[in-house]
Amino acid sequence: MNAQLREMQDRQRRRFEEDLNGRVAALFRRCPALCGFTVQDNGPLPADLTCHPAPNEEQAEELLGEVAQMLLDLLDERPEGAELLFSRTFARTVH
Protein backbone atom coordinates (compact mmCIF):
# COMPACT_ATOMS: atom_id res chain seq x y z
CA MET A 1 0.00 0.00 0.00
CA ASN A 2 1.45 3.33 -0.91
CA ALA A 3 2.03 6.05 1.67
CA GLN A 4 -0.54 8.43 0.21
CA LEU A 5 -3.34 5.86 0.39
CA ARG A 6 -2.39 4.91 3.94
CA GLU A 7 -2.39 8.58 4.98
CA MET A 8 -5.87 9.06 3.48
CA GLN A 9 -7.17 5.97 5.31
CA ASP A 10 -5.65 7.17 8.58
CA ARG A 11 -7.39 10.54 8.19
CA GLN A 12 -10.71 8.84 7.49
CA ARG A 13 -10.27 6.63 10.54
CA ARG A 14 -9.45 9.60 12.77
CA ARG A 15 -12.51 11.50 11.52
CA PHE A 16 -14.70 8.45 12.10
CA GLU A 17 -13.32 7.99 15.62
CA GLU A 18 -13.87 11.68 16.42
CA ASP A 19 -17.44 11.51 15.15
CA LEU A 20 -18.07 8.27 17.04
CA ASN A 21 -16.63 9.66 20.28
CA GLY A 22 -18.81 12.75 20.02
CA ARG A 23 -21.96 10.74 19.40
CA VAL A 24 -21.23 8.30 22.22
CA ALA A 25 -20.56 11.18 24.64
CA ALA A 26 -23.85 12.82 23.63
CA LEU A 27 -25.66 9.50 24.08
CA PHE A 28 -24.30 9.12 27.61
CA ARG A 29 -25.38 12.70 28.42
CA ARG A 30 -28.91 12.06 27.11
CA CYS A 31 -29.19 8.69 28.89
CA PRO A 32 -27.86 9.08 32.45
CA ALA A 33 -28.78 5.50 33.44
CA LEU A 34 -26.68 4.03 30.61
CA CYS A 35 -23.36 2.76 31.96
CA GLY A 36 -22.12 1.00 28.84
CA PHE A 37 -22.94 -1.05 25.78
CA THR A 38 -21.35 -3.48 23.37
CA VAL A 39 -21.89 -3.48 19.62
CA GLN A 40 -22.70 -6.80 17.95
CA ASP A 41 -19.83 -8.42 16.12
CA ASN A 42 -21.85 -8.88 12.94
CA GLY A 43 -23.91 -5.72 12.70
CA PRO A 44 -24.44 -2.17 13.92
CA LEU A 45 -26.80 -2.99 16.77
CA PRO A 46 -26.17 -3.13 20.50
CA ALA A 47 -25.49 -6.62 21.87
CA ASP A 48 -25.54 -5.72 25.57
CA LEU A 49 -26.54 -2.70 27.63
CA THR A 50 -25.52 -2.03 31.19
CA CYS A 51 -27.62 0.42 33.18
CA HIS A 52 -27.83 1.69 36.72
CA PRO A 53 -30.37 1.78 38.13
CA ALA A 54 -31.83 -1.14 36.21
CA PRO A 55 -34.57 0.13 33.90
CA ASN A 56 -38.04 -1.33 33.65
CA GLU A 57 -38.97 -3.07 30.40
CA GLU A 58 -40.31 0.08 28.74
CA GLN A 59 -37.26 2.13 29.72
CA ALA A 60 -34.93 -0.64 28.54
CA GLU A 61 -36.60 -0.76 25.13
CA GLU A 62 -36.39 3.02 24.82
CA LEU A 63 -32.72 2.99 25.77
CA LEU A 64 -31.98 0.15 23.38
CA GLY A 65 -33.69 2.14 20.64
CA GLU A 66 -31.59 5.24 21.42
CA VAL A 67 -28.34 3.29 21.18
CA ALA A 68 -29.42 1.41 18.04
CA GLN A 69 -30.52 4.62 16.31
CA MET A 70 -27.22 6.33 17.09
CA LEU A 71 -25.27 3.39 15.65
CA LEU A 72 -27.45 3.14 12.53
CA ASP A 73 -27.26 6.90 11.91
CA LEU A 74 -23.49 6.84 12.27
CA LEU A 75 -23.04 4.02 9.78
CA ASP A 76 -25.57 5.51 7.41
CA GLU A 77 -23.44 8.66 7.26
CA ARG A 78 -20.06 6.91 7.51
CA PRO A 79 -20.30 3.34 6.17
CA GLU A 80 -16.53 3.11 5.88
CA GLY A 81 -16.33 2.89 9.67
CA ALA A 82 -18.29 -0.34 10.09
CA GLU A 83 -15.25 -2.51 10.72
CA LEU A 84 -14.12 -0.08 13.44
CA LEU A 85 -17.44 -0.30 15.26
CA PHE A 86 -18.35 -3.97 15.41
CA SER A 87 -17.50 -5.89 18.62
CA ARG A 88 -16.54 -2.72 20.51
CA THR A 89 -17.57 -1.90 24.05
CA PHE A 90 -18.27 1.66 25.18
CA ALA A 91 -18.41 2.67 28.81
CA ARG A 92 -19.29 5.84 30.63
CA THR A 93 -16.21 7.45 32.11
CA VAL A 94 -16.49 8.07 35.83
CA HIS A 95 -13.89 10.14 37.63
PDB file of N, CA and C in Angstrom:
ATOM      1  N   MET A   1       0.860  -1.178   0.000  1.00  0.00           N
ATOM      2  CA  MET A   1       0.000   0.000   0.000  1.00  0.00           C
ATOM      3  C   MET A   1       0.901   1.234   0.000  1.00  0.00           C
ATOM      4  N   ASN A   2       0.587   2.165  -0.847  1.00  0.00           N
ATOM      5  CA  ASN A   2       1.452   3.334  -0.906  1.00  0.00           C
ATOM      6  C   ASN A   2       1.167   4.294   0.251  1.00  0.00           C
ATOM      7  N   ALA A   3       2.104   5.145   0.518  1.00  0.00           N
ATOM      8  CA  ALA A   3       2.030   6.048   1.673  1.00  0.00           C
ATOM      9  C   ALA A   3       0.862   7.020   1.568  1.00  0.00           C
ATOM     10  N   GLN A   4       0.554   7.480   0.386  1.00  0.00           N
ATOM     11  CA  GLN A   4      -0.541   8.435   0.211  1.00  0.00           C
ATOM     12  C   GLN A   4      -1.893   7.795   0.533  1.00  0.00           C
ATOM     13  N   LEU A   5      -2.099   6.577   0.095  1.00  0.00           N
ATOM     14  CA  LEU A   5      -3.341   5.861   0.388  1.00  0.00           C
ATOM     15  C   LEU A   5      -3.470   5.589   1.885  1.00  0.00           C
ATOM     16  N   ARG A   6      -2.384   5.179   2.500  1.00  0.00           N
ATOM     17  CA  ARG A   6      -2.389   4.913   3.943  1.00  0.00           C
ATOM     18  C   ARG A   6      -2.710   6.188   4.725  1.00  0.00           C
ATOM     19  N   GLU A   7      -2.129   7.303   4.306  1.00  0.00           N
ATOM     20  CA  GLU A   7      -2.393   8.582   4.978  1.00  0.00           C
ATOM     21  C   GLU A   7      -3.870   8.964   4.862  1.00  0.00           C
ATOM     22  N   MET A   8      -4.454   8.763   3.685  1.00  0.00           N
ATOM     23  CA  MET A   8      -5.866   9.063   3.484  1.00  0.00           C
ATOM     24  C   MET A   8      -6.737   8.166   4.374  1.00  0.00           C
ATOM     25  N   GLN A   9      -6.415   6.890   4.462  1.00  0.00           N
ATOM     26  CA  GLN A   9      -7.170   5.970   5.309  1.00  0.00           C
ATOM     27  C   GLN A   9      -7.034   6.340   6.784  1.00  0.00           C
ATOM     28  N   ASP A  10      -5.858   6.751   7.189  1.00  0.00           N
ATOM     29  CA  ASP A  10      -5.647   7.172   8.580  1.00  0.00           C
ATOM     30  C   ASP A  10      -6.486   8.405   8.912  1.00  0.00           C
ATOM     31  N   ARG A  11      -6.557   9.350   7.972  1.00  0.00           N
ATOM     32  CA  ARG A  11      -7.386  10.545   8.191  1.00  0.00           C
ATOM     33  C   ARG A  11      -8.858  10.173   8.301  1.00  0.00           C
ATOM     34  N   GLN A  12      -9.325   9.285   7.427  1.00  0.00           N
ATOM     35  CA  GLN A  12     -10.715   8.841   7.485  1.00  0.00           C
ATOM     36  C   GLN A  12     -11.004   8.153   8.820  1.00  0.00           C
ATOM     37  N   ARG A  13     -10.087   7.336   9.267  1.00  0.00           N
ATOM     38  CA  ARG A  13     -10.267   6.629  10.538  1.00  0.00           C
ATOM     39  C   ARG A  13     -10.336   7.625  11.696  1.00  0.00           C
ATOM     40  N   ARG A  14      -9.441   8.597  11.704  1.00  0.00           N
ATOM     41  CA  ARG A  14      -9.453   9.604  12.774  1.00  0.00           C
ATOM     42  C   ARG A  14     -10.755  10.387  12.779  1.00  0.00           C
ATOM     43  N   ARG A  15     -11.234  10.771  11.599  1.00  0.00           N
ATOM     44  CA  ARG A  15     -12.513  11.500  11.524  1.00  0.00           C
ATOM     45  C   ARG A  15     -13.662  10.636  12.008  1.00  0.00           C
ATOM     46  N   PHE A  16     -13.660   9.359  11.631  1.00  0.00           N
ATOM     47  CA  PHE A  16     -14.705   8.454  12.095  1.00  0.00           C
ATOM     48  C   PHE A  16     -14.658   8.326  13.618  1.00  0.00           C
ATOM     49  N   GLU A  17     -13.471   8.130  14.165  1.00  0.00           N
ATOM     50  CA  GLU A  17     -13.316   7.986  15.622  1.00  0.00           C
ATOM     51  C   GLU A  17     -13.758   9.255  16.349  1.00  0.00           C
ATOM     52  N   GLU A  18     -13.439  10.416  15.815  1.00  0.00           N
ATOM     53  CA  GLU A  18     -13.870  11.676  16.425  1.00  0.00           C
ATOM     54  C   GLU A  18     -15.387  11.794  16.404  1.00  0.00           C
ATOM     55  N   ASP A  19     -15.992  11.471  15.275  1.00  0.00           N
ATOM     56  CA  ASP A  19     -17.440  11.510  15.151  1.00  0.00           C
ATOM     57  C   ASP A  19     -18.080  10.509  16.113  1.00  0.00           C
ATOM     58  N   LEU A  20     -17.560   9.305  16.143  1.00  0.00           N
ATOM     59  CA  LEU A  20     -18.071   8.273  17.038  1.00  0.00           C
ATOM     60  C   LEU A  20     -17.963   8.708  18.495  1.00  0.00           C
ATOM     61  N   ASN A  21     -16.824   9.221  18.893  1.00  0.00           N
ATOM     62  CA  ASN A  21     -16.633   9.660  20.279  1.00  0.00           C
ATOM     63  C   ASN A  21     -17.618  10.755  20.656  1.00  0.00           C
ATOM     64  N   GLY A  22     -17.856  11.687  19.747  1.00  0.00           N
ATOM     65  CA  GLY A  22     -18.810  12.751  20.020  1.00  0.00           C
ATOM     66  C   GLY A  22     -20.227  12.227  20.181  1.00  0.00           C
ATOM     67  N   ARG A  23     -20.602  11.298  19.330  1.00  0.00           N
ATOM     68  CA  ARG A  23     -21.957  10.737  19.398  1.00  0.00           C
ATOM     69  C   ARG A  23     -22.147   9.892  20.647  1.00  0.00           C
ATOM     70  N   VAL A  24     -21.133   9.129  21.014  1.00  0.00           N
ATOM     71  CA  VAL A  24     -21.234   8.299  22.221  1.00  0.00           C
ATOM     72  C   VAL A  24     -21.309   9.198  23.457  1.00  0.00           C
ATOM     73  N   ALA A  25     -20.513  10.246  23.504  1.00  0.00           N
ATOM     74  CA  ALA A  25     -20.557  11.177  24.638  1.00  0.00           C
ATOM     75  C   ALA A  25     -21.939  11.822  24.748  1.00  0.00           C
ATOM     76  N   ALA A  26     -22.508  12.227  23.616  1.00  0.00           N
ATOM     77  CA  ALA A  26     -23.851  12.820  23.625  1.00  0.00           C
ATOM     78  C   ALA A  26     -24.895  11.801  24.078  1.00  0.00           C
ATOM     79  N   LEU A  27     -24.741  10.560  23.661  1.00  0.00           N
ATOM     80  CA  LEU A  27     -25.660   9.500  24.075  1.00  0.00           C
ATOM     81  C   LEU A  27     -25.610   9.314  25.588  1.00  0.00           C
ATOM     82  N   PHE A  28     -24.426   9.272  26.165  1.00  0.00           N
ATOM     83  CA  PHE A  28     -24.304   9.123  27.610  1.00  0.00           C
ATOM     84  C   PHE A  28     -24.887  10.328  28.349  1.00  0.00           C
ATOM     85  N   ARG A  29     -24.773  11.527  27.784  1.00  0.00           N
ATOM     86  CA  ARG A  29     -25.378  12.699  28.419  1.00  0.00           C
ATOM     87  C   ARG A  29     -26.904  12.621  28.384  1.00  0.00           C
ATOM     88  N   ARG A  30     -27.452  12.169  27.250  1.00  0.00           N
ATOM     89  CA  ARG A  30     -28.912  12.057  27.113  1.00  0.00           C
ATOM     90  C   ARG A  30     -29.497  10.926  27.948  1.00  0.00           C
ATOM     91  N   CYS A  31     -28.705   9.909  28.215  1.00  0.00           N
ATOM     92  CA  CYS A  31     -29.187   8.691  28.892  1.00  0.00           C
ATOM     93  C   CYS A  31     -28.366   8.459  30.161  1.00  0.00           C
ATOM     94  N   PRO A  32     -28.692   9.156  31.245  1.00  0.00           N
ATOM     95  CA  PRO A  32     -27.862   9.078  32.445  1.00  0.00           C
ATOM     96  C   PRO A  32     -27.819   7.696  33.094  1.00  0.00           C
ATOM     97  N   ALA A  33     -28.801   6.841  32.859  1.00  0.00           N
ATOM     98  CA  ALA A  33     -28.782   5.499  33.444  1.00  0.00           C
ATOM     99  C   ALA A  33     -27.874   4.543  32.674  1.00  0.00           C
ATOM    100  N   LEU A  34     -27.514   4.896  31.443  1.00  0.00           N
ATOM    101  CA  LEU A  34     -26.678   4.032  30.614  1.00  0.00           C
ATOM    102  C   LEU A  34     -25.242   4.051  31.139  1.00  0.00           C
ATOM    103  N   CYS A  35     -24.744   2.877  31.494  1.00  0.00           N
ATOM    104  CA  CYS A  35     -23.356   2.758  31.961  1.00  0.00           C
ATOM    105  C   CYS A  35     -22.420   2.295  30.856  1.00  0.00           C
ATOM    106  N   GLY A  36     -22.949   1.490  29.928  1.00  0.00           N
ATOM    107  CA  GLY A  36     -22.125   1.004  28.839  1.00  0.00           C
ATOM    108  C   GLY A  36     -22.915   0.128  27.900  1.00  0.00           C
ATOM    109  N   PHE A  37     -22.305  -0.160  26.749  1.00  0.00           N
ATOM    110  CA  PHE A  37     -22.936  -1.048  25.777  1.00  0.00           C
ATOM    111  C   PHE A  37     -21.868  -1.649  24.880  1.00  0.00           C
ATOM    112  N   THR A  38     -22.209  -2.786  24.314  1.00  0.00           N
ATOM    113  CA  THR A  38     -21.346  -3.482  23.372  1.00  0.00           C
ATOM    114  C   THR A  38     -22.069  -3.563  22.036  1.00  0.00           C
ATOM    115  N   VAL A  39     -21.326  -3.389  20.964  1.00  0.00           N
ATOM    116  CA  VAL A  39     -21.891  -3.479  19.620  1.00  0.00           C
ATOM    117  C   VAL A  39     -21.727  -4.922  19.134  1.00  0.00           C
ATOM    118  N   GLN A  40     -22.759  -5.439  18.476  1.00  0.00           N
ATOM    119  CA  GLN A  40     -22.704  -6.801  17.947  1.00  0.00           C
ATOM    120  C   GLN A  40     -21.484  -6.966  17.056  1.00  0.00           C
ATOM    121  N   ASP A  41     -20.994  -8.186  16.964  1.00  0.00           N
ATOM    122  CA  ASP A  41     -19.827  -8.421  16.125  1.00  0.00           C
ATOM    123  C   ASP A  41     -20.171  -8.600  14.652  1.00  0.00           C
ATOM    124  N   ASN A  42     -21.463  -8.672  14.333  1.00  0.00           N
ATOM    125  CA  ASN A  42     -21.849  -8.881  12.943  1.00  0.00           C
ATOM    126  C   ASN A  42     -22.831  -7.831  12.429  1.00  0.00           C
ATOM    127  N   GLY A  43     -22.986  -6.747  13.154  1.00  0.00           N
ATOM    128  CA  GLY A  43     -23.909  -5.718  12.697  1.00  0.00           C
ATOM    129  C   GLY A  43     -23.919  -4.518  13.625  1.00  0.00           C
ATOM    130  N   PRO A  44     -24.495  -3.417  13.161  1.00  0.00           N
ATOM    131  CA  PRO A  44     -24.442  -2.167  13.920  1.00  0.00           C
ATOM    132  C   PRO A  44     -25.563  -2.022  14.951  1.00  0.00           C
ATOM    133  N   LEU A  45     -25.787  -3.059  15.734  1.00  0.00           N
ATOM    134  CA  LEU A  45     -26.801  -2.985  16.774  1.00  0.00           C
ATOM    135  C   LEU A  45     -26.178  -3.348  18.106  1.00  0.00           C
ATOM    136  N   PRO A  46     -26.735  -2.813  19.188  1.00  0.00           N
ATOM    137  CA  PRO A  46     -26.171  -3.129  20.496  1.00  0.00           C
ATOM    138  C   PRO A  46     -26.405  -4.594  20.857  1.00  0.00           C
ATOM    139  N   ALA A  47     -25.384  -5.224  21.423  1.00  0.00           N
ATOM    140  CA  ALA A  47     -25.493  -6.615  21.867  1.00  0.00           C
ATOM    141  C   ALA A  47     -25.864  -6.657  23.342  1.00  0.00           C
ATOM    142  N   ASP A  48     -25.298  -5.775  24.130  1.00  0.00           N
ATOM    143  CA  ASP A  48     -25.540  -5.722  25.571  1.00  0.00           C
ATOM    144  C   ASP A  48     -25.604  -4.273  26.016  1.00  0.00           C
ATOM    145  N   LEU A  49     -26.474  -4.007  26.973  1.00  0.00           N
ATOM    146  CA  LEU A  49     -26.544  -2.703  27.626  1.00  0.00           C
ATOM    147  C   LEU A  49     -26.352  -2.917  29.111  1.00  0.00           C
ATOM    148  N   THR A  50     -25.653  -2.019  29.750  1.00  0.00           N
ATOM    149  CA  THR A  50     -25.525  -2.029  31.194  1.00  0.00           C
ATOM    150  C   THR A  50     -26.063  -0.706  31.700  1.00  0.00           C
ATOM    151  N   CYS A  51     -26.980  -0.786  32.665  1.00  0.00           N
ATOM    152  CA  CYS A  51     -27.625   0.419  33.180  1.00  0.00           C
ATOM    153  C   CYS A  51     -27.645   0.387  34.703  1.00  0.00           C
ATOM    154  N   HIS A  52     -27.640   1.563  35.288  1.00  0.00           N
ATOM    155  CA  HIS A  52     -27.828   1.693  36.722  1.00  0.00           C
ATOM    156  C   HIS A  52     -28.549   3.004  36.990  1.00  0.00           C
ATOM    157  N   PRO A  53     -29.675   2.969  37.641  1.00  0.00           N
ATOM    158  CA  PRO A  53     -30.367   1.778  38.133  1.00  0.00           C
ATOM    159  C   PRO A  53     -30.959   0.990  36.969  1.00  0.00           C
ATOM    160  N   ALA A  54     -31.273  -0.275  37.243  1.00  0.00           N
ATOM    161  CA  ALA A  54     -31.831  -1.141  36.211  1.00  0.00           C
ATOM    162  C   ALA A  54     -33.162  -0.562  35.726  1.00  0.00           C
ATOM    163  N   PRO A  55     -33.323  -0.431  34.431  1.00  0.00           N
ATOM    164  CA  PRO A  55     -34.567   0.133  33.896  1.00  0.00           C
ATOM    165  C   PRO A  55     -35.695  -0.910  33.888  1.00  0.00           C
ATOM    166  N   ASN A  56     -36.930  -0.408  33.870  1.00  0.00           N
ATOM    167  CA  ASN A  56     -38.044  -1.331  33.654  1.00  0.00           C
ATOM    168  C   ASN A  56     -38.061  -1.695  32.178  1.00  0.00           C
ATOM    169  N   GLU A  57     -38.961  -2.574  31.776  1.00  0.00           N
ATOM    170  CA  GLU A  57     -38.968  -3.066  30.399  1.00  0.00           C
ATOM    171  C   GLU A  57     -39.157  -1.940  29.386  1.00  0.00           C
ATOM    172  N   GLU A  58     -40.051  -1.030  29.668  1.00  0.00           N
ATOM    173  CA  GLU A  58     -40.310   0.081  28.742  1.00  0.00           C
ATOM    174  C   GLU A  58     -39.081   0.982  28.617  1.00  0.00           C
ATOM    175  N   GLN A  59     -38.456   1.295  29.741  1.00  0.00           N
ATOM    176  CA  GLN A  59     -37.262   2.135  29.719  1.00  0.00           C
ATOM    177  C   GLN A  59     -36.120   1.435  28.985  1.00  0.00           C
ATOM    178  N   ALA A  60     -35.993   0.124  29.197  1.00  0.00           N
ATOM    179  CA  ALA A  60     -34.929  -0.643  28.538  1.00  0.00           C
ATOM    180  C   ALA A  60     -35.110  -0.627  27.027  1.00  0.00           C
ATOM    181  N   GLU A  61     -36.340  -0.795  26.570  1.00  0.00           N
ATOM    182  CA  GLU A  61     -36.601  -0.762  25.132  1.00  0.00           C
ATOM    183  C   GLU A  61     -36.301   0.613  24.552  1.00  0.00           C
ATOM    184  N   GLU A  62     -36.665   1.659  25.282  1.00  0.00           N
ATOM    185  CA  GLU A  62     -36.389   3.020  24.820  1.00  0.00           C
ATOM    186  C   GLU A  62     -34.885   3.267  24.729  1.00  0.00           C
ATOM    187  N   LEU A  63     -34.173   2.826  25.740  1.00  0.00           N
ATOM    188  CA  LEU A  63     -32.723   2.994  25.768  1.00  0.00           C
ATOM    189  C   LEU A  63     -32.057   2.190  24.656  1.00  0.00           C
ATOM    190  N   LEU A  64     -32.498   0.975  24.457  1.00  0.00           N
ATOM    191  CA  LEU A  64     -31.975   0.146  23.382  1.00  0.00           C
ATOM    192  C   LEU A  64     -32.212   0.828  22.034  1.00  0.00           C
ATOM    193  N   GLY A  65     -33.381   1.410  21.869  1.00  0.00           N
ATOM    194  CA  GLY A  65     -33.691   2.138  20.641  1.00  0.00           C
ATOM    195  C   GLY A  65     -32.787   3.340  20.433  1.00  0.00           C
ATOM    196  N   GLU A  66     -32.498   4.073  21.508  1.00  0.00           N
ATOM    197  CA  GLU A  66     -31.591   5.243  21.417  1.00  0.00           C
ATOM    198  C   GLU A  66     -30.209   4.816  20.933  1.00  0.00           C
ATOM    199  N   VAL A  67     -29.683   3.751  21.541  1.00  0.00           N
ATOM    200  CA  VAL A  67     -28.345   3.286  21.182  1.00  0.00           C
ATOM    201  C   VAL A  67     -28.348   2.776  19.737  1.00  0.00           C
ATOM    202  N   ALA A  68     -29.343   1.959  19.400  1.00  0.00           N
ATOM    203  CA  ALA A  68     -29.419   1.411  18.039  1.00  0.00           C
ATOM    204  C   ALA A  68     -29.526   2.520  17.004  1.00  0.00           C
ATOM    205  N   GLN A  69     -30.347   3.528  17.270  1.00  0.00           N
ATOM    206  CA  GLN A  69     -30.516   4.623  16.310  1.00  0.00           C
ATOM    207  C   GLN A  69     -29.220   5.402  16.118  1.00  0.00           C
ATOM    208  N   MET A  70     -28.492   5.633  17.203  1.00  0.00           N
ATOM    209  CA  MET A  70     -27.215   6.333  17.095  1.00  0.00           C
ATOM    210  C   MET A  70     -26.251   5.539  16.221  1.00  0.00           C
ATOM    211  N   LEU A  71     -26.180   4.230  16.429  1.00  0.00           N
ATOM    212  CA  LEU A  71     -25.273   3.386  15.651  1.00  0.00           C
ATOM    213  C   LEU A  71     -25.679   3.351  14.172  1.00  0.00           C
ATOM    214  N   LEU A  72     -26.965   3.191  13.920  1.00  0.00           N
ATOM    215  CA  LEU A  72     -27.446   3.142  12.535  1.00  0.00           C
ATOM    216  C   LEU A  72     -27.231   4.467  11.816  1.00  0.00           C
ATOM    217  N   ASP A  73     -27.488   5.579  12.512  1.00  0.00           N
ATOM    218  CA  ASP A  73     -27.256   6.903  11.911  1.00  0.00           C
ATOM    219  C   ASP A  73     -25.785   7.093  11.569  1.00  0.00           C
ATOM    220  N   LEU A  74     -24.926   6.693  12.488  1.00  0.00           N
ATOM    221  CA  LEU A  74     -23.491   6.844  12.267  1.00  0.00           C
ATOM    222  C   LEU A  74     -23.054   6.067  11.029  1.00  0.00           C
ATOM    223  N   LEU A  75     -23.473   4.820  10.915  1.00  0.00           N
ATOM    224  CA  LEU A  75     -23.037   4.016   9.777  1.00  0.00           C
ATOM    225  C   LEU A  75     -23.736   4.400   8.489  1.00  0.00           C
ATOM    226  N   ASP A  76     -24.904   5.000   8.603  1.00  0.00           N
ATOM    227  CA  ASP A  76     -25.573   5.511   7.407  1.00  0.00           C
ATOM    228  C   ASP A  76     -24.766   6.667   6.817  1.00  0.00           C
ATOM    229  N   GLU A  77     -24.225   7.503   7.696  1.00  0.00           N
ATOM    230  CA  GLU A  77     -23.436   8.657   7.261  1.00  0.00           C
ATOM    231  C   GLU A  77     -21.985   8.310   6.971  1.00  0.00           C
ATOM    232  N   ARG A  78     -21.471   7.273   7.644  1.00  0.00           N
ATOM    233  CA  ARG A  78     -20.062   6.909   7.510  1.00  0.00           C
ATOM    234  C   ARG A  78     -19.905   5.392   7.394  1.00  0.00           C
ATOM    235  N   PRO A  79     -20.362   4.796   6.302  1.00  0.00           N
ATOM    236  CA  PRO A  79     -20.304   3.336   6.172  1.00  0.00           C
ATOM    237  C   PRO A  79     -18.893   2.771   6.199  1.00  0.00           C
ATOM    238  N   GLU A  80     -17.914   3.591   5.887  1.00  0.00           N
ATOM    239  CA  GLU A  80     -16.532   3.113   5.881  1.00  0.00           C
ATOM    240  C   GLU A  80     -16.042   2.742   7.282  1.00  0.00           C
ATOM    241  N   GLY A  81     -16.763   3.156   8.310  1.00  0.00           N
ATOM    242  CA  GLY A  81     -16.328   2.887   9.673  1.00  0.00           C
ATOM    243  C   GLY A  81     -16.894   1.627  10.286  1.00  0.00           C
ATOM    244  N   ALA A  82     -17.632   0.843   9.529  1.00  0.00           N
ATOM    245  CA  ALA A  82     -18.294  -0.343  10.090  1.00  0.00           C
ATOM    246  C   ALA A  82     -17.315  -1.277  10.776  1.00  0.00           C
ATOM    247  N   GLU A  83     -16.207  -1.564  10.142  1.00  0.00           N
ATOM    248  CA  GLU A  83     -15.252  -2.512  10.723  1.00  0.00           C
ATOM    249  C   GLU A  83     -14.639  -1.981  12.024  1.00  0.00           C
ATOM    250  N   LEU A  84     -14.660  -0.673  12.218  1.00  0.00           N
ATOM    251  CA  LEU A  84     -14.116  -0.083  13.443  1.00  0.00           C
ATOM    252  C   LEU A  84     -15.127  -0.089  14.583  1.00  0.00           C
ATOM    253  N   LEU A  85     -16.365  -0.387  14.275  1.00  0.00           N
ATOM    254  CA  LEU A  85     -17.440  -0.299  15.255  1.00  0.00           C
ATOM    255  C   LEU A  85     -17.833  -1.655  15.821  1.00  0.00           C
ATOM    256  N   PHE A  86     -17.868  -2.666  14.994  1.00  0.00           N
ATOM    257  CA  PHE A  86     -18.352  -3.974  15.413  1.00  0.00           C
ATOM    258  C   PHE A  86     -17.479  -4.563  16.528  1.00  0.00           C
ATOM    259  N   SER A  87     -18.134  -5.200  17.486  1.00  0.00           N
ATOM    260  CA  SER A  87     -17.497  -5.890  18.618  1.00  0.00           C
ATOM    261  C   SER A  87     -16.848  -4.944  19.629  1.00  0.00           C
ATOM    262  N   ARG A  88     -17.126  -3.663  19.554  1.00  0.00           N
ATOM    263  CA  ARG A  88     -16.543  -2.719  20.512  1.00  0.00           C
ATOM    264  C   ARG A  88     -17.452  -2.537  21.707  1.00  0.00           C
ATOM    265  N   THR A  89     -16.842  -2.210  22.825  1.00  0.00           N
ATOM    266  CA  THR A  89     -17.573  -1.904  24.047  1.00  0.00           C
ATOM    267  C   THR A  89     -17.308  -0.451  24.398  1.00  0.00           C
ATOM    268  N   PHE A  90     -18.361   0.249  24.797  1.00  0.00           N
ATOM    269  CA  PHE A  90     -18.273   1.659  25.184  1.00  0.00           C
ATOM    270  C   PHE A  90     -18.766   1.777  26.598  1.00  0.00           C
ATOM    271  N   ALA A  91     -18.032   2.499  27.415  1.00  0.00           N
ATOM    272  CA  ALA A  91     -18.412   2.668  28.809  1.00  0.00           C
ATOM    273  C   ALA A  91     -18.370   4.138  29.189  1.00  0.00           C
ATOM    274  N   ARG A  92     -19.280   4.487  30.088  1.00  0.00           N
ATOM    275  CA  ARG A  92     -19.287   5.840  30.633  1.00  0.00           C
ATOM    276  C   ARG A  92     -18.023   6.023  31.458  1.00  0.00           C
ATOM    277  N   THR A  93     -17.407   7.166  31.331  1.00  0.00           N
ATOM    278  CA  THR A  93     -16.211   7.450  32.109  1.00  0.00           C
ATOM    279  C   THR A  93     -16.620   8.104  33.417  1.00  0.00           C
ATOM    280  N   VAL A  94     -16.182   7.526  34.501  1.00  0.00           N
ATOM    281  CA  VAL A  94     -16.487   8.065  35.829  1.00  0.00           C
ATOM    282  C   VAL A  94     -15.178   8.460  36.484  1.00  0.00           C
ATOM    283  N   HIS A  95     -15.129   9.687  36.961  1.00  0.00           N
ATOM    284  CA  HIS A  95     -13.892  10.143  37.632  1.00  0.00           C
ATOM    285  C   HIS A  95     -14.193  10.389  39.089  1.00  0.00           C
TER     286      HIS A  95
END
